[in-house]
């Protein structure tokens, strides 16, 4: 917990020790901690999920990342004209 002393997860995010966060909260204290965690993750561009379903979907997408093709929005729009 963030409020229980240092070092804690926010310190680890600041130090660059964390690359991915899955933060599912269940009680009010955890919700309060999640604000600080989410803010620091956003500031440091750390991937952050708030649901297990979202994290699972991201993992499934990463498994098939080499099969994906990136399209520019401009080229897709051009096809509509």
PDB file of N, CA and C in Angstrom:
ATOM      1  N   UNK A   1       0.822  -1.178   0.000  1.00  0.00           N
ATOM      2  CA  UNK A   1       0.000   0.000   0.000  1.00  0.00           C
ATOM      3  C   UNK A   1       0.874   1.253   0.000  1.00  0.00           C
ATOM      4  N   UNK A   2       0.421   2.251  -0.702  1.00  0.00           N
ATOM      5  CA  UNK A   2       1.177   3.498  -0.819  1.00  0.00           C
ATOM      6  C   UNK A   2       1.292   4.191   0.532  1.00  0.00           C
ATOM      7  N   UNK A   3       0.249   4.145   1.327  1.00  0.00           N
ATOM      8  CA  UNK A   3       0.230   4.873   2.592  1.00  0.00           C
ATOM      9  C   UNK A   3       0.999   4.173   3.718  1.00  0.00           C
ATOM     10  N   UNK A   4       1.522   2.967   3.483  1.00  0.00           N
ATOM     11  CA  UNK A   4       2.148   2.196   4.548  1.00  0.00           C
ATOM     12  C   UNK A   4       3.652   2.413   4.674  1.00  0.00           C
ATOM     13  N   UNK A   5       4.239   3.287   3.916  1.00  0.00           N
ATOM     14  CA  UNK A   5       5.664   3.553   4.033  1.00  0.00           C
ATOM     15  C   UNK A   5       6.404   3.361   2.726  1.00  0.00           C
ATOM     16  N   UNK A   6       7.686   3.620   2.775  1.00  0.00           N
ATOM     17  CA  UNK A   6       8.513   3.591   1.575  1.00  0.00           C
ATOM     18  C   UNK A   6       9.561   2.510   1.672  1.00  0.00           C
ATOM     19  N   UNK A   7      10.072   2.018   0.597  1.00  0.00           N
ATOM     20  CA  UNK A   7       9.636   2.292  -0.779  1.00  0.00           C
ATOM     21  C   UNK A   7       8.323   1.580  -1.079  1.00  0.00           C
ATOM     22  N   UNK A   8       7.544   2.163  -1.992  1.00  0.00           N
ATOM     23  CA  UNK A   8       6.277   1.581  -2.397  1.00  0.00           C
ATOM     24  C   UNK A   8       6.155   1.652  -3.916  1.00  0.00           C
ATOM     25  N   UNK A   9       5.013   1.240  -4.429  1.00  0.00           N
ATOM     26  CA  UNK A   9       4.831   1.128  -5.875  1.00  0.00           C
ATOM     27  C   UNK A   9       5.057   2.449  -6.602  1.00  0.00           C
ATOM     28  N   UNK A  10       4.648   3.556  -6.037  1.00  0.00           N
ATOM     29  CA  UNK A  10       4.846   4.846  -6.705  1.00  0.00           C
ATOM     30  C   UNK A  10       6.339   5.154  -6.825  1.00  0.00           C
ATOM     31  N   UNK A  11       7.104   4.834  -5.778  1.00  0.00           N
ATOM     32  CA  UNK A  11       8.564   5.012  -5.859  1.00  0.00           C
ATOM     33  C   UNK A  11       9.157   4.137  -6.950  1.00  0.00           C
ATOM     34  N   UNK A  12       8.663   2.909  -7.058  1.00  0.00           N
ATOM     35  CA  UNK A  12       9.176   1.989  -8.079  1.00  0.00           C
ATOM     36  C   UNK A  12       8.855   2.482  -9.482  1.00  0.00           C
ATOM     37  N   UNK A  13       7.673   3.076  -9.655  1.00  0.00           N
ATOM     38  CA  UNK A  13       7.319   3.651 -10.961  1.00  0.00           C
ATOM     39  C   UNK A  13       8.256   4.810 -11.282  1.00  0.00           C
ATOM     40  N   UNK A  14       8.485   5.686 -10.308  1.00  0.00           N
ATOM     41  CA  UNK A  14       9.381   6.835 -10.500  1.00  0.00           C
ATOM     42  C   UNK A  14      10.793   6.395 -10.851  1.00  0.00           C
ATOM     43  N   UNK A  15      11.237   5.274 -10.277  1.00  0.00           N
ATOM     44  CA  UNK A  15      12.591   4.766 -10.528  1.00  0.00           C
ATOM     45  C   UNK A  15      12.710   3.989 -11.833  1.00  0.00           C
ATOM     46  N   UNK A  16      11.591   3.796 -12.533  1.00  0.00           N
ATOM     47  CA  UNK A  16      11.631   3.054 -13.792  1.00  0.00           C
ATOM     48  C   UNK A  16      11.688   1.551 -13.607  1.00  0.00           C
ATOM     49  N   UNK A  17      11.310   1.062 -12.436  1.00  0.00           N
ATOM     50  CA  UNK A  17      11.361  -0.371 -12.148  1.00  0.00           C
ATOM     51  C   UNK A  17      10.111  -1.116 -12.605  1.00  0.00           C
ATOM     52  N   UNK A  18       9.074  -0.393 -12.971  1.00  0.00           N
ATOM     53  CA  UNK A  18       7.791  -0.989 -13.334  1.00  0.00           C
ATOM     54  C   UNK A  18       7.488  -0.685 -14.796  1.00  0.00           C
ATOM     55  N   UNK A  19       7.109  -1.725 -15.563  1.00  0.00           N
ATOM     56  CA  UNK A  19       6.769  -1.547 -16.974  1.00  0.00           C
ATOM     57  C   UNK A  19       5.286  -1.714 -17.260  1.00  0.00           C
ATOM     58  N   UNK A  20       4.578  -2.423 -16.392  1.00  0.00           N
ATOM     59  CA  UNK A  20       3.171  -2.697 -16.624  1.00  0.00           C
ATOM     60  C   UNK A  20       2.473  -2.837 -15.274  1.00  0.00           C
ATOM     61  N   UNK A  21       1.278  -2.260 -15.171  1.00  0.00           N
ATOM     62  CA  UNK A  21       0.527  -2.309 -13.914  1.00  0.00           C
ATOM     63  C   UNK A  21      -0.866  -2.833 -14.192  1.00  0.00           C
ATOM     64  N   UNK A  22      -1.283  -3.812 -13.391  1.00  0.00           N
ATOM     65  CA  UNK A  22      -2.669  -4.261 -13.358  1.00  0.00           C
ATOM     66  C   UNK A  22      -3.143  -3.966 -11.945  1.00  0.00           C
ATOM     67  N   UNK A  23      -3.988  -2.956 -11.799  1.00  0.00           N
ATOM     68  CA  UNK A  23      -4.418  -2.500 -10.482  1.00  0.00           C
ATOM     69  C   UNK A  23      -5.934  -2.641 -10.377  1.00  0.00           C
ATOM     70  N   UNK A  24      -6.362  -3.723  -9.754  1.00  0.00           N
ATOM     71  CA  UNK A  24      -7.781  -3.986  -9.542  1.00  0.00           C
ATOM     72  C   UNK A  24      -8.055  -3.736  -8.064  1.00  0.00           C
ATOM     73  N   UNK A  25      -8.930  -2.796  -7.773  1.00  0.00           N
ATOM     74  CA  UNK A  25      -9.168  -2.407  -6.383  1.00  0.00           C
ATOM     75  C   UNK A  25     -10.470  -3.000  -5.859  1.00  0.00           C
ATOM     76  N   UNK A  26     -10.491  -3.251  -4.544  1.00  0.00           N
ATOM     77  CA  UNK A  26     -11.676  -3.838  -3.925  1.00  0.00           C
ATOM     78  C   UNK A  26     -12.190  -3.045  -2.735  1.00  0.00           C
ATOM     79  N   UNK A  27     -11.313  -2.284  -2.068  1.00  0.00           N
ATOM     80  CA  UNK A  27     -11.777  -1.549  -0.895  1.00  0.00           C
ATOM     81  C   UNK A  27     -11.429  -0.070  -1.019  1.00  0.00           C
ATOM     82  N   UNK A  28     -11.961   0.735  -0.113  1.00  0.00           N
ATOM     83  CA  UNK A  28     -11.793   2.187  -0.199  1.00  0.00           C
ATOM     84  C   UNK A  28     -10.342   2.624  -0.064  1.00  0.00           C
ATOM     85  N   UNK A  29      -9.570   1.942   0.778  1.00  0.00           N
ATOM     86  CA  UNK A  29      -8.159   2.301   0.941  1.00  0.00           C
ATOM     87  C   UNK A  29      -7.399   2.051  -0.364  1.00  0.00           C
ATOM     88  N   UNK A  30      -7.694   0.952  -1.015  1.00  0.00           N
ATOM     89  CA  UNK A  30      -7.038   0.647  -2.287  1.00  0.00           C
ATOM     90  C   UNK A  30      -7.434   1.652  -3.365  1.00  0.00           C
ATOM     91  N   UNK A  31      -8.674   2.105  -3.337  1.00  0.00           N
ATOM     92  CA  UNK A  31      -9.117   3.122  -4.305  1.00  0.00           C
ATOM     93  C   UNK A  31      -8.320   4.398  -4.108  1.00  0.00           C
ATOM     94  N   UNK A  32      -8.115   4.790  -2.873  1.00  0.00           N
ATOM     95  CA  UNK A  32      -7.337   6.002  -2.580  1.00  0.00           C
ATOM     96  C   UNK A  32      -5.897   5.849  -3.087  1.00  0.00           C
ATOM     97  N   UNK A  33      -5.283   4.703  -2.838  1.00  0.00           N
ATOM     98  CA  UNK A  33      -3.928   4.444  -3.335  1.00  0.00           C
ATOM     99  C   UNK A  33      -3.876   4.446  -4.856  1.00  0.00           C
ATOM    100  N   UNK A  34      -4.933   3.973  -5.483  1.00  0.00           N
ATOM    101  CA  UNK A  34      -4.920   3.847  -6.937  1.00  0.00           C
ATOM    102  C   UNK A  34      -4.804   5.197  -7.632  1.00  0.00           C
ATOM    103  N   UNK A  35      -5.282   6.260  -7.018  1.00  0.00           N
ATOM    104  CA  UNK A  35      -5.150   7.590  -7.623  1.00  0.00           C
ATOM    105  C   UNK A  35      -3.676   7.967  -7.794  1.00  0.00           C
ATOM    106  N   UNK A  36      -2.883   7.777  -6.752  1.00  0.00           N
ATOM    107  CA  UNK A  36      -1.460   8.115  -6.821  1.00  0.00           C
ATOM    108  C   UNK A  36      -0.730   7.204  -7.808  1.00  0.00           C
ATOM    109  N   UNK A  37      -1.089   5.934  -7.802  1.00  0.00           N
ATOM    110  CA  UNK A  37      -0.452   4.980  -8.717  1.00  0.00           C
ATOM    111  C   UNK A  37      -0.777   5.341 -10.162  1.00  0.00           C
ATOM    112  N   UNK A  38      -2.056   5.593 -10.432  1.00  0.00           N
ATOM    113  CA  UNK A  38      -2.482   5.927 -11.790  1.00  0.00           C
ATOM    114  C   UNK A  38      -1.855   7.229 -12.276  1.00  0.00           C
ATOM    115  N   UNK A  39      -1.798   8.227 -11.417  1.00  0.00           N
ATOM    116  CA  UNK A  39      -1.212   9.517 -11.804  1.00  0.00           C
ATOM    117  C   UNK A  39       0.263   9.367 -12.161  1.00  0.00           C
ATOM    118  N   UNK A  40       0.994   8.624 -11.351  1.00  0.00           N
ATOM    119  CA  UNK A  40       2.424   8.450 -11.637  1.00  0.00           C
ATOM    120  C   UNK A  40       2.634   7.581 -12.873  1.00  0.00           C
ATOM    121  N   UNK A  41       1.800   6.558 -13.041  1.00  0.00           N
ATOM    122  CA  UNK A  41       1.904   5.716 -14.238  1.00  0.00           C
ATOM    123  C   UNK A  41       1.658   6.552 -15.491  1.00  0.00           C
ATOM    124  N   UNK A  42       0.663   7.411 -15.439  1.00  0.00           N
ATOM    125  CA  UNK A  42       0.373   8.285 -16.575  1.00  0.00           C
ATOM    126  C   UNK A  42       1.532   9.238 -16.842  1.00  0.00           C
ATOM    127  N   UNK A  43       2.079   9.826 -15.804  1.00  0.00           N
ATOM    128  CA  UNK A  43       3.191  10.767 -15.951  1.00  0.00           C
ATOM    129  C   UNK A  43       4.432  10.097 -16.525  1.00  0.00           C
ATOM    130  N   UNK A  44       4.653   8.836 -16.176  1.00  0.00           N
ATOM    131  CA  UNK A  44       5.856   8.109 -16.618  1.00  0.00           C
ATOM    132  C   UNK A  44       5.607   7.209 -17.821  1.00  0.00           C
ATOM    133  N   UNK A  45       4.389   7.280 -18.373  1.00  0.00           N
ATOM    134  CA  UNK A  45       4.012   6.496 -19.549  1.00  0.00           C
ATOM    135  C   UNK A  45       4.148   4.992 -19.306  1.00  0.00           C
ATOM    136  N   UNK A  46       3.682   4.556 -18.143  1.00  0.00           N
ATOM    137  CA  UNK A  46       3.668   3.140 -17.798  1.00  0.00           C
ATOM    138  C   UNK A  46       2.288   2.589 -18.148  1.00  0.00           C
ATOM    139  N   UNK A  47       2.258   1.460 -18.828  1.00  0.00           N
ATOM    140  CA  UNK A  47       0.998   0.832 -19.212  1.00  0.00           C
ATOM    141  C   UNK A  47       0.232   0.459 -17.951  1.00  0.00           C
ATOM    142  N   UNK A  48      -1.071   0.783 -17.926  1.00  0.00           N
ATOM    143  CA  UNK A  48      -1.869   0.666 -16.710  1.00  0.00           C
ATOM    144  C   UNK A  48      -3.247   0.109 -17.047  1.00  0.00           C
ATOM    145  N   UNK A  49      -3.630  -0.979 -16.395  1.00  0.00           N
ATOM    146  CA  UNK A  49      -4.948  -1.568 -16.577  1.00  0.00           C
ATOM    147  C   UNK A  49      -5.677  -1.572 -15.249  1.00  0.00           C
ATOM    148  N   UNK A  50      -6.992  -1.349 -15.301  1.00  0.00           N
ATOM    149  CA  UNK A  50      -7.791  -1.325 -14.080  1.00  0.00           C
ATOM    150  C   UNK A  50      -8.726  -2.525 -13.968  1.00  0.00           C
ATOM    151  N   UNK A  51      -8.721  -3.388 -14.981  1.00  0.00           N
ATOM    152  CA  UNK A  51      -9.544  -4.600 -14.921  1.00  0.00           C
ATOM    153  C   UNK A  51      -8.723  -5.794 -15.394  1.00  0.00           C
ATOM    154  N   UNK A  52      -9.067  -6.958 -14.871  1.00  0.00           N
ATOM    155  CA  UNK A  52      -8.402  -8.179 -15.334  1.00  0.00           C
ATOM    156  C   UNK A  52      -8.765  -8.470 -16.782  1.00  0.00           C
ATOM    157  N   UNK A  53      -9.995  -8.162 -17.166  1.00  0.00           N
ATOM    158  CA  UNK A  53     -10.415  -8.383 -18.550  1.00  0.00           C
ATOM    159  C   UNK A  53      -9.587  -7.533 -19.514  1.00  0.00           C
ATOM    160  N   UNK A  54      -9.347  -6.281 -19.155  1.00  0.00           N
ATOM    161  CA  UNK A  54      -8.528  -5.412 -19.995  1.00  0.00           C
ATOM    162  C   UNK A  54      -7.093  -5.894 -20.102  1.00  0.00           C
ATOM    163  N   UNK A  55      -6.523  -6.316 -18.983  1.00  0.00           N
ATOM    164  CA  UNK A  55      -5.144  -6.826 -18.984  1.00  0.00           C
ATOM    165  C   UNK A  55      -5.052  -8.113 -19.793  1.00  0.00           C
ATOM    166  N   UNK A  56      -6.044  -8.975 -19.640  1.00  0.00           N
ATOM    167  CA  UNK A  56      -6.064 -10.235 -20.389  1.00  0.00           C
ATOM    168  C   UNK A  56      -6.158  -9.956 -21.893  1.00  0.00           C
ATOM    169  N   UNK A  57      -7.013  -9.036 -22.287  1.00  0.00           N
ATOM    170  CA  UNK A  57      -7.157  -8.692 -23.698  1.00  0.00           C
ATOM    171  C   UNK A  57      -5.849  -8.134 -24.262  1.00  0.00           C
ATOM    172  N   UNK A  58      -5.162  -7.302 -23.483  1.00  0.00           N
ATOM    173  CA  UNK A  58      -3.876  -6.750 -23.924  1.00  0.00           C
ATOM    174  C   UNK A  58      -2.848  -7.859 -24.103  1.00  0.00           C
ATOM    175  N   UNK A  59      -2.810  -8.798 -23.180  1.00  0.00           N
ATOM    176  CA  UNK A  59      -1.870  -9.927 -23.286  1.00  0.00           C
ATOM    177  C   UNK A  59      -2.154 -10.767 -24.523  1.00  0.00           C
ATOM    178  N   UNK A  60      -3.435 -10.991 -24.782  1.00  0.00           N
ATOM    179  CA  UNK A  60      -3.798 -11.753 -25.979  1.00  0.00           C
ATOM    180  C   UNK A  60      -3.372 -11.005 -27.236  1.00  0.00           C
ATOM    181  N   UNK A  61      -3.536  -9.690 -27.232  1.00  0.00           N
ATOM    182  CA  UNK A  61      -3.099  -8.895 -28.369  1.00  0.00           C
ATOM    183  C   UNK A  61      -1.593  -8.932 -28.556  1.00  0.00           C
ATOM    184  N   UNK A  62      -0.859  -8.903 -27.445  1.00  0.00           N
ATOM    185  CA  UNK A  62       0.606  -8.955 -27.520  1.00  0.00           C
ATOM    186  C   UNK A  62       1.094 -10.291 -28.065  1.00  0.00           C
ATOM    187  N   UNK A  63       0.357 -11.359 -27.801  1.00  0.00           N
ATOM    188  CA  UNK A  63       0.733 -12.672 -28.321  1.00  0.00           C
ATOM    189  C   UNK A  63       0.666 -12.699 -29.846  1.00  0.00           C
ATOM    190  N   UNK A  64      -0.198 -11.888 -30.415  1.00  0.00           N
ATOM    191  CA  UNK A  64      -0.398 -11.878 -31.861  1.00  0.00           C
ATOM    192  C   UNK A  64       0.110 -10.590 -32.496  1.00  0.00           C
ATOM    193  N   UNK A  65       0.963  -9.870 -31.800  1.00  0.00           N
ATOM    194  CA  UNK A  65       1.461  -8.589 -32.289  1.00  0.00           C
ATOM    195  C   UNK A  65       2.189  -8.657 -33.605  1.00  0.00           C
ATOM    196  N   UNK A  66       2.898  -9.751 -33.850  1.00  0.00           N
ATOM    197  CA  UNK A  66       3.642  -9.859 -35.104  1.00  0.00           C
ATOM    198  C   UNK A  66       2.721 -10.093 -36.296  1.00  0.00           C
ATOM    199  N   UNK A  67       1.460 -10.432 -36.028  1.00  0.00           N
ATOM    200  CA  UNK A  67       0.497 -10.661 -37.101  1.00  0.00           C
ATOM    201  C   UNK A  67      -0.290  -9.396 -37.449  1.00  0.00           C
ATOM    202  N   UNK A  68      -0.122  -8.347 -36.687  1.00  0.00           N
ATOM    203  CA  UNK A  68      -0.903  -7.136 -36.885  1.00  0.00           C
ATOM    204  C   UNK A  68      -0.289  -6.253 -37.958  1.00  0.00           C
ATOM    205  N   UNK A  69      -1.144  -5.537 -38.637  1.00  0.00           N
ATOM    206  CA  UNK A  69      -0.691  -4.570 -39.627  1.00  0.00           C
ATOM    207  C   UNK A  69      -1.226  -3.203 -39.236  1.00  0.00           C
ATOM    208  N   UNK A  70      -0.385  -2.202 -39.285  1.00  0.00           N
ATOM    209  CA  UNK A  70      -0.768  -0.855 -38.898  1.00  0.00           C
ATOM    210  C   UNK A  70      -1.194  -0.079 -40.133  1.00  0.00           C
ATOM    211  N   UNK A  71      -2.334   0.587 -40.012  1.00  0.00           N
ATOM    212  CA  UNK A  71      -2.847   1.432 -41.077  1.00  0.00           C
ATOM    213  C   UNK A  71      -2.903   2.860 -40.571  1.00  0.00           C
ATOM    214  N   UNK A  72      -2.608   3.801 -41.439  1.00  0.00           N
ATOM    215  CA  UNK A  72      -2.757   5.199 -41.041  1.00  0.00           C
ATOM    216  C   UNK A  72      -4.226   5.595 -41.196  1.00  0.00           C
ATOM    217  N   UNK A  73      -4.674   6.438 -40.320  1.00  0.00           N
ATOM    218  CA  UNK A  73      -6.048   6.919 -40.374  1.00  0.00           C
ATOM    219  C   UNK A  73      -6.310   7.643 -41.696  1.00  0.00           C
ATOM    220  N   UNK A  74      -5.310   8.366 -42.182  1.00  0.00           N
ATOM    221  CA  UNK A  74      -5.454   9.103 -43.434  1.00  0.00           C
ATOM    222  C   UNK A  74      -5.701   8.151 -44.615  1.00  0.00           C
ATOM    223  N   UNK A  75      -4.975   7.042 -44.660  1.00  0.00           N
ATOM    224  CA  UNK A  75      -5.158   6.112 -45.777  1.00  0.00           C
ATOM    225  C   UNK A  75      -6.524   5.425 -45.702  1.00  0.00           C
ATOM    226  N   UNK A  76      -6.987   5.110 -44.512  1.00  0.00           N
ATOM    227  CA  UNK A  76      -8.322   4.514 -44.374  1.00  0.00           C
ATOM    228  C   UNK A  76      -9.399   5.518 -44.788  1.00  0.00           C
ATOM    229  N   UNK A  77      -9.230   6.749 -44.405  1.00  0.00           N
ATOM    230  CA  UNK A  77     -10.181   7.789 -44.777  1.00  0.00           C
ATOM    231  C   UNK A  77     -10.197   7.999 -46.289  1.00  0.00           C
ATOM    232  N   UNK A  78      -9.032   7.938 -46.895  1.00  0.00           N
ATOM    233  CA  UNK A  78      -8.913   8.134 -48.349  1.00  0.00           C
ATOM    234  C   UNK A  78      -9.716   7.078 -49.108  1.00  0.00           C
ATOM    235  N   UNK A  79      -9.777   5.875 -48.576  1.00  0.00           N
ATOM    236  CA  UNK A  79     -10.543   4.788 -49.219  1.00  0.00           C
ATOM    237  C   UNK A  79     -12.040   5.085 -49.243  1.00  0.00           C
ATOM    238  N   UNK A  80     -12.503   5.879 -48.278  1.00  0.00           N
ATOM    239  CA  UNK A  80     -13.928   6.202 -48.203  1.00  0.00           C
ATOM    240  C   UNK A  80     -14.333   7.250 -49.226  1.00  0.00           C
ATOM    241  N   UNK A  81     -13.398   8.044 -49.696  1.00  0.00           N
ATOM    242  CA  UNK A  81     -13.718   9.140 -50.630  1.00  0.00           C
ATOM    243  C   UNK A  81     -13.869   8.691 -52.049  1.00  0.00           C
TER     244      UNK A  81
END
